[in-house]
Amino acid sequence: MADDIREFKNATIEVAGAKTEPMTVTVAVETKDGKRSGSGEAQVSQTVFDEIEGVEGQATVHTASGETFTIMIRKAFKDTRRIEFQTSGPVPESGA
């Protein structure tokens, strides 16, 4: 169960130089054995979806406040272009 739900409005997801339009990215953050990790999902454009395979699922989330964090794509669904991801490193506090 998540300790904290962080919502980033007007964030973009970037994969190999291709960026989504501004969107809301929600990350469920939990602490287990003293380590924080997060997971979430998002729907991305076809251009961004096409780049996911070429970078082994690594992407960057850019928040509206200028902070970034790295995610690893766990699953990608071609029919809906929906992705499920895990965070890779610290997740900033939610912001506008």
Protein backbone atom coordinates (compact mmCIF):
# COMPACT_ATOMS: atom_id res chain seq x y z
CA MET A 1 0.00 0.00 0.00
CA ALA A 2 1.30 3.45 -0.90
CA ASP A 3 2.53 5.78 1.84
CA ASP A 4 2.11 8.82 -0.34
CA ILE A 5 0.43 9.67 -3.66
CA ARG A 6 2.29 12.39 -5.57
CA GLU A 7 0.60 14.13 -8.46
CA PHE A 8 2.53 16.23 -10.96
CA LYS A 9 0.28 18.43 -13.10
CA ASN A 10 1.56 19.68 -16.47
CA ALA A 11 4.47 17.24 -16.39
CA THR A 12 6.00 15.68 -19.49
CA ILE A 13 7.54 12.27 -20.04
CA GLU A 14 10.62 12.22 -22.28
CA VAL A 15 12.00 9.15 -24.03
CA ALA A 16 15.06 9.52 -26.28
CA GLY A 17 14.26 13.17 -27.05
CA ALA A 18 10.54 12.60 -27.74
CA LYS A 19 8.28 14.34 -25.19
CA THR A 20 4.62 13.97 -24.35
CA GLU A 21 2.28 16.92 -24.23
CA PRO A 22 1.89 18.31 -20.68
CA MET A 23 -0.13 15.85 -18.62
CA THR A 24 -0.75 14.77 -15.05
CA VAL A 25 1.64 12.05 -13.85
CA THR A 26 0.65 10.30 -10.63
CA VAL A 27 3.19 8.29 -8.63
CA ALA A 28 2.36 6.06 -5.66
CA VAL A 29 5.37 6.18 -3.31
CA GLU A 30 5.93 3.56 -0.63
CA THR A 31 8.65 2.87 1.92
CA LYS A 32 9.78 -0.70 2.47
CA ASP A 33 12.79 -1.70 4.57
CA GLY A 34 13.82 1.98 4.77
CA LYS A 35 13.86 2.41 0.97
CA ARG A 36 11.37 4.53 -0.97
CA SER A 37 10.11 3.44 -4.34
CA GLY A 38 7.32 4.57 -6.57
CA SER A 39 5.13 3.29 -9.35
CA GLY A 40 2.50 4.69 -11.66
CA GLU A 41 0.99 4.66 -15.10
CA ALA A 42 0.39 7.10 -17.93
CA GLN A 43 -0.91 7.21 -21.48
CA VAL A 44 1.63 8.56 -23.96
CA SER A 45 1.62 9.70 -27.58
CA GLN A 46 2.50 7.30 -30.41
CA THR A 47 5.78 9.15 -31.02
CA VAL A 48 6.89 8.65 -27.41
CA PHE A 49 5.59 5.07 -27.37
CA ASP A 50 7.67 4.24 -30.46
CA GLU A 51 10.85 5.34 -28.69
CA ILE A 52 10.34 3.16 -25.60
CA GLU A 53 11.68 -0.05 -27.17
CA GLY A 54 14.86 1.65 -28.36
CA VAL A 55 15.94 2.80 -24.89
CA GLU A 56 15.14 -0.36 -22.94
CA GLY A 57 12.27 1.33 -21.15
CA GLN A 58 14.08 4.23 -19.49
CA ALA A 59 12.39 7.63 -19.47
CA THR A 60 12.52 10.96 -17.63
CA VAL A 61 9.61 12.82 -16.07
CA HIS A 62 9.93 16.62 -16.16
CA THR A 63 7.73 18.38 -13.61
CA ALA A 64 6.19 21.80 -14.16
CA SER A 65 8.45 23.20 -11.42
CA GLY A 66 11.58 22.12 -13.33
CA GLU A 67 12.48 19.01 -11.32
CA THR A 68 13.11 15.67 -13.00
CA PHE A 69 13.10 12.02 -12.02
CA THR A 70 13.84 8.81 -13.89
CA ILE A 71 11.38 6.02 -14.49
CA MET A 72 11.73 2.52 -15.88
CA ILE A 73 8.85 1.30 -18.04
CA ARG A 74 7.68 -2.12 -16.78
CA LYS A 75 4.86 -2.71 -19.25
CA ALA A 76 3.75 -0.98 -22.43
CA PHE A 77 0.38 -1.70 -24.02
CA LYS A 78 0.37 -1.02 -27.78
CA ASP A 79 -3.41 -0.90 -28.19
CA THR A 80 -3.87 2.00 -25.74
CA ARG A 81 -0.26 3.36 -25.57
CA ARG A 82 -0.55 3.03 -21.79
CA ILE A 83 2.62 2.46 -19.82
CA GLU A 84 3.22 1.18 -16.29
CA PHE A 85 6.43 2.29 -14.62
CA GLN A 86 8.62 2.10 -11.54
CA THR A 87 10.66 5.04 -10.34
CA SER A 88 14.42 4.82 -10.52
CA GLY A 89 15.75 7.16 -7.84
CA PRO A 90 14.13 9.79 -5.66
CA VAL A 91 10.76 11.32 -6.50
CA PRO A 92 10.34 15.04 -5.74
CA GLU A 93 7.49 16.32 -3.61
CA SER A 94 4.25 16.98 -5.50
CA GLY A 95 3.94 20.39 -7.01
CA ALA A 96 1.97 22.43 -9.45
